[in-house]
Amino acid sequence: MTKHKLTQKQEFWLAHVKQAEASDGSLSAYAKQHQLNLKLFYNMRAILRQKGILPQLPVVNTFVPVSIELPQPALEPCRICLTNGVGFV
């Protein structure tokens, strides 16, 4: 794992992260069941990853190349007439 000496707080959250990962439910369900603050749970898990205590998540490239085709120009002009008699071409 790592050679870092863990604080009591880190050991507490590391144990919960491992138990949550071993359970079949979601992280939020685990936090609710154990009366843990979900936001703090996510933050501590991120801190443990940053410190190298937990493995980092793989980086996934979510960008997809896109090509945009411009529409063909209209062959005939479009005329808009408003109810007040004003017209546009």
N, C-alpha and C. Protein backbone atom coordinates (compact mmCIF):
# COMPACT_ATOMS: atom_id res chain seq x y z
N MET A 1 0.85 -1.18 0.00
CA MET A 1 0.00 0.00 0.00
C MET A 1 0.89 1.24 0.00
N THR A 2 1.24 1.75 1.17
CA THR A 2 2.09 2.94 1.25
C THR A 2 2.85 2.93 2.55
N LYS A 3 3.92 3.68 2.61
CA LYS A 3 4.74 3.73 3.81
C LYS A 3 4.40 4.93 4.69
N HIS A 4 3.34 5.69 4.32
CA HIS A 4 2.94 6.85 5.11
C HIS A 4 2.38 6.40 6.45
N LYS A 5 2.73 7.16 7.48
CA LYS A 5 2.13 6.92 8.79
C LYS A 5 0.79 7.65 8.80
N LEU A 6 -0.27 6.93 9.10
CA LEU A 6 -1.60 7.50 9.05
C LEU A 6 -1.99 8.11 10.38
N THR A 7 -2.74 9.20 10.30
CA THR A 7 -3.32 9.78 11.51
C THR A 7 -4.53 8.94 11.90
N GLN A 8 -5.03 9.16 13.11
CA GLN A 8 -6.23 8.43 13.55
C GLN A 8 -7.41 8.74 12.63
N LYS A 9 -7.52 9.99 12.23
CA LYS A 9 -8.61 10.40 11.34
C LYS A 9 -8.51 9.67 9.99
N GLN A 10 -7.29 9.59 9.45
CA GLN A 10 -7.08 8.90 8.19
C GLN A 10 -7.36 7.42 8.32
N GLU A 11 -6.95 6.80 9.42
CA GLU A 11 -7.22 5.39 9.65
C GLU A 11 -8.72 5.14 9.75
N PHE A 12 -9.44 6.04 10.44
CA PHE A 12 -10.89 5.93 10.57
C PHE A 12 -11.55 5.93 9.20
N TRP A 13 -11.21 6.91 8.36
CA TRP A 13 -11.84 7.04 7.05
C TRP A 13 -11.37 5.94 6.09
N LEU A 14 -10.12 5.53 6.20
CA LEU A 14 -9.62 4.45 5.36
C LEU A 14 -10.39 3.16 5.64
N ALA A 15 -10.64 2.87 6.90
CA ALA A 15 -11.40 1.67 7.26
C ALA A 15 -12.80 1.75 6.68
N HIS A 16 -13.44 2.92 6.76
CA HIS A 16 -14.78 3.07 6.22
C HIS A 16 -14.79 2.98 4.69
N VAL A 17 -13.80 3.54 4.04
CA VAL A 17 -13.73 3.46 2.57
C VAL A 17 -13.60 2.01 2.14
N LYS A 18 -12.75 1.26 2.81
CA LYS A 18 -12.56 -0.15 2.46
C LYS A 18 -13.83 -0.96 2.72
N GLN A 19 -14.50 -0.69 3.84
CA GLN A 19 -15.74 -1.39 4.14
C GLN A 19 -16.83 -1.04 3.13
N ALA A 20 -16.90 0.23 2.74
CA ALA A 20 -17.90 0.67 1.77
C ALA A 20 -17.66 0.02 0.41
N GLU A 21 -16.39 -0.08 0.00
CA GLU A 21 -16.07 -0.71 -1.27
C GLU A 21 -16.39 -2.20 -1.26
N ALA A 22 -16.26 -2.83 -0.09
CA ALA A 22 -16.55 -4.26 0.03
C ALA A 22 -18.05 -4.53 0.09
N SER A 23 -18.83 -3.53 0.46
CA SER A 23 -20.28 -3.73 0.55
C SER A 23 -20.90 -3.69 -0.84
N ASP A 24 -22.11 -4.19 -0.94
CA ASP A 24 -22.80 -4.24 -2.23
C ASP A 24 -23.48 -2.93 -2.57
N GLY A 25 -23.73 -2.07 -1.60
CA GLY A 25 -24.48 -0.84 -1.83
C GLY A 25 -23.61 0.30 -2.31
N SER A 26 -24.25 1.43 -2.47
CA SER A 26 -23.55 2.63 -2.91
C SER A 26 -22.83 3.28 -1.73
N LEU A 27 -21.96 4.21 -2.05
CA LEU A 27 -21.23 4.94 -1.01
C LEU A 27 -22.20 5.77 -0.17
N SER A 28 -23.19 6.37 -0.82
CA SER A 28 -24.15 7.19 -0.08
C SER A 28 -25.00 6.32 0.87
N ALA A 29 -25.37 5.13 0.43
CA ALA A 29 -26.14 4.23 1.30
C ALA A 29 -25.29 3.80 2.50
N TYR A 30 -24.02 3.51 2.24
CA TYR A 30 -23.11 3.12 3.33
C TYR A 30 -22.97 4.26 4.34
N ALA A 31 -22.77 5.47 3.83
CA ALA A 31 -22.61 6.63 4.72
C ALA A 31 -23.87 6.85 5.55
N LYS A 32 -25.02 6.71 4.92
CA LYS A 32 -26.28 6.89 5.64
C LYS A 32 -26.44 5.82 6.71
N GLN A 33 -26.13 4.58 6.37
CA GLN A 33 -26.26 3.47 7.30
C GLN A 33 -25.36 3.65 8.53
N HIS A 34 -24.17 4.22 8.31
CA HIS A 34 -23.21 4.40 9.40
C HIS A 34 -23.21 5.82 9.96
N GLN A 35 -24.20 6.61 9.56
CA GLN A 35 -24.37 7.99 10.04
C GLN A 35 -23.10 8.82 9.83
N LEU A 36 -22.57 8.74 8.60
CA LEU A 36 -21.38 9.51 8.24
C LEU A 36 -21.79 10.64 7.29
N ASN A 37 -21.10 11.75 7.38
CA ASN A 37 -21.33 12.88 6.48
C ASN A 37 -20.82 12.50 5.10
N LEU A 38 -21.73 12.45 4.12
CA LEU A 38 -21.38 11.97 2.78
C LEU A 38 -20.34 12.87 2.11
N LYS A 39 -20.51 14.17 2.22
CA LYS A 39 -19.54 15.10 1.61
C LYS A 39 -18.15 14.91 2.21
N LEU A 40 -18.09 14.78 3.53
CA LEU A 40 -16.81 14.55 4.19
C LEU A 40 -16.23 13.19 3.79
N PHE A 41 -17.09 12.20 3.60
CA PHE A 41 -16.65 10.88 3.15
C PHE A 41 -15.95 10.99 1.80
N TYR A 42 -16.59 11.65 0.83
CA TYR A 42 -15.98 11.83 -0.49
C TYR A 42 -14.68 12.63 -0.40
N ASN A 43 -14.68 13.68 0.41
CA ASN A 43 -13.47 14.51 0.55
C ASN A 43 -12.32 13.73 1.15
N MET A 44 -12.59 12.95 2.17
CA MET A 44 -11.52 12.18 2.80
C MET A 44 -11.01 11.09 1.87
N ARG A 45 -11.90 10.48 1.10
CA ARG A 45 -11.45 9.48 0.13
C ARG A 45 -10.53 10.13 -0.91
N ALA A 46 -10.87 11.34 -1.35
CA ALA A 46 -10.03 12.05 -2.30
C ALA A 46 -8.67 12.39 -1.68
N ILE A 47 -8.67 12.80 -0.43
CA ILE A 47 -7.41 13.12 0.25
C ILE A 47 -6.54 11.87 0.38
N LEU A 48 -7.15 10.75 0.72
CA LEU A 48 -6.40 9.50 0.84
C LEU A 48 -5.81 9.09 -0.51
N ARG A 49 -6.53 9.37 -1.59
CA ARG A 49 -5.99 9.09 -2.92
C ARG A 49 -4.83 10.02 -3.25
N GLN A 50 -4.98 11.31 -2.92
CA GLN A 50 -3.91 12.28 -3.20
C GLN A 50 -2.64 11.93 -2.45
N LYS A 51 -2.77 11.41 -1.24
CA LYS A 51 -1.60 11.06 -0.43
C LYS A 51 -1.00 9.72 -0.83
N GLY A 52 -1.64 9.00 -1.75
CA GLY A 52 -1.12 7.72 -2.20
C GLY A 52 -1.52 6.56 -1.31
N ILE A 53 -2.43 6.79 -0.38
CA ILE A 53 -2.87 5.72 0.52
C ILE A 53 -3.88 4.83 -0.20
N LEU A 54 -4.70 5.42 -1.03
CA LEU A 54 -5.63 4.67 -1.88
C LEU A 54 -5.17 4.82 -3.32
N PRO A 55 -5.46 3.85 -4.17
CA PRO A 55 -5.06 3.97 -5.58
C PRO A 55 -5.83 5.08 -6.29
N GLN A 56 -5.15 5.73 -7.22
CA GLN A 56 -5.77 6.79 -8.02
C GLN A 56 -6.73 6.17 -9.02
N LEU A 57 -7.75 6.93 -9.37
CA LEU A 57 -8.67 6.49 -10.42
C LEU A 57 -8.01 6.71 -11.77
N PRO A 58 -8.27 5.84 -12.73
CA PRO A 58 -7.70 6.05 -14.07
C PRO A 58 -8.31 7.30 -14.72
N VAL A 59 -7.50 8.01 -15.47
CA VAL A 59 -7.96 9.19 -16.18
C VAL A 59 -8.58 8.74 -17.49
N VAL A 60 -9.81 9.18 -17.73
CA VAL A 60 -10.53 8.80 -18.94
C VAL A 60 -10.74 10.05 -19.78
N ASN A 61 -10.35 9.95 -21.05
CA ASN A 61 -10.56 11.07 -21.96
C ASN A 61 -12.02 11.05 -22.41
N THR A 62 -12.78 12.05 -21.99
CA THR A 62 -14.20 12.07 -22.31
C THR A 62 -14.51 12.96 -23.51
N PHE A 63 -13.51 13.53 -24.13
CA PHE A 63 -13.74 14.38 -25.29
C PHE A 63 -13.91 13.51 -26.53
N VAL A 64 -14.85 13.87 -27.35
CA VAL A 64 -15.13 13.15 -28.58
C VAL A 64 -14.99 14.13 -29.74
N PRO A 65 -14.25 13.76 -30.80
CA PRO A 65 -14.14 14.68 -31.93
C PRO A 65 -15.49 14.87 -32.61
N VAL A 66 -15.75 16.11 -32.98
CA VAL A 66 -17.02 16.46 -33.61
C VAL A 66 -16.74 17.26 -34.86
N SER A 67 -17.45 16.97 -35.95
CA SER A 67 -17.36 17.81 -37.13
C SER A 67 -18.72 18.46 -37.35
N ILE A 68 -18.71 19.72 -37.65
CA ILE A 68 -19.94 20.48 -37.83
C ILE A 68 -20.09 20.83 -39.31
N GLU A 69 -21.22 20.49 -39.85
CA GLU A 69 -21.51 20.83 -41.24
C GLU A 69 -22.51 21.98 -41.24
N LEU A 70 -22.20 23.01 -41.99
CA LEU A 70 -23.10 24.15 -42.08
C LEU A 70 -24.26 23.79 -43.00
N PRO A 71 -25.46 24.29 -42.67
CA PRO A 71 -26.61 23.98 -43.53
C PRO A 71 -26.47 24.64 -44.89
N GLN A 72 -27.13 24.05 -45.89
CA GLN A 72 -27.11 24.61 -47.24
C GLN A 72 -27.87 25.94 -47.24
N PRO A 73 -27.40 26.91 -48.00
CA PRO A 73 -28.13 28.18 -48.05
C PRO A 73 -29.52 27.97 -48.66
N ALA A 74 -30.47 28.74 -48.18
CA ALA A 74 -31.83 28.64 -48.68
C ALA A 74 -31.87 29.08 -50.14
N LEU A 75 -32.62 28.36 -50.95
CA LEU A 75 -32.73 28.70 -52.36
C LEU A 75 -33.67 29.87 -52.59
N GLU A 76 -34.67 29.99 -51.75
CA GLU A 76 -35.63 31.09 -51.89
C GLU A 76 -35.66 31.87 -50.60
N PRO A 77 -35.84 33.19 -50.68
CA PRO A 77 -35.91 33.98 -49.45
C PRO A 77 -37.17 33.63 -48.66
N CYS A 78 -37.07 33.81 -47.38
CA CYS A 78 -38.19 33.54 -46.49
C CYS A 78 -38.80 34.88 -46.07
N ARG A 79 -40.10 35.01 -46.16
CA ARG A 79 -40.76 36.25 -45.79
C ARG A 79 -41.60 36.00 -44.54
N ILE A 80 -41.43 36.86 -43.55
CA ILE A 80 -42.17 36.77 -42.30
C ILE A 80 -43.04 38.01 -42.18
N CYS A 81 -44.34 37.84 -41.98
CA CYS A 81 -45.26 38.95 -41.79
C CYS A 81 -45.87 38.87 -40.41
N LEU A 82 -45.69 39.92 -39.62
CA LEU A 82 -46.26 39.98 -38.29
C LEU A 82 -47.70 40.47 -38.38
N THR A 83 -48.46 40.24 -37.31
CA THR A 83 -49.87 40.64 -37.31
C THR A 83 -50.05 42.14 -37.37
N ASN A 84 -49.03 42.92 -37.01
CA ASN A 84 -49.14 44.38 -37.07
C ASN A 84 -48.80 44.91 -38.46
N GLY A 85 -48.56 44.04 -39.41
CA GLY A 85 -48.30 44.45 -40.78
C GLY A 85 -46.83 44.59 -41.14
N VAL A 86 -45.93 44.45 -40.17
CA VAL A 86 -44.50 44.57 -40.45
C VAL A 86 -44.04 43.26 -41.08
N GLY A 87 -43.27 43.37 -42.16
CA GLY A 87 -42.78 42.19 -42.83
C GLY A 87 -41.26 42.19 -42.92
N PHE A 88 -40.69 41.01 -42.93
CA PHE A 88 -39.24 40.84 -43.04
C PHE A 88 -38.94 39.84 -44.14
N VAL A 89 -37.82 40.04 -44.79
CA VAL A 89 -37.37 39.10 -45.82
C VAL A 89 -36.05 38.53 -45.38
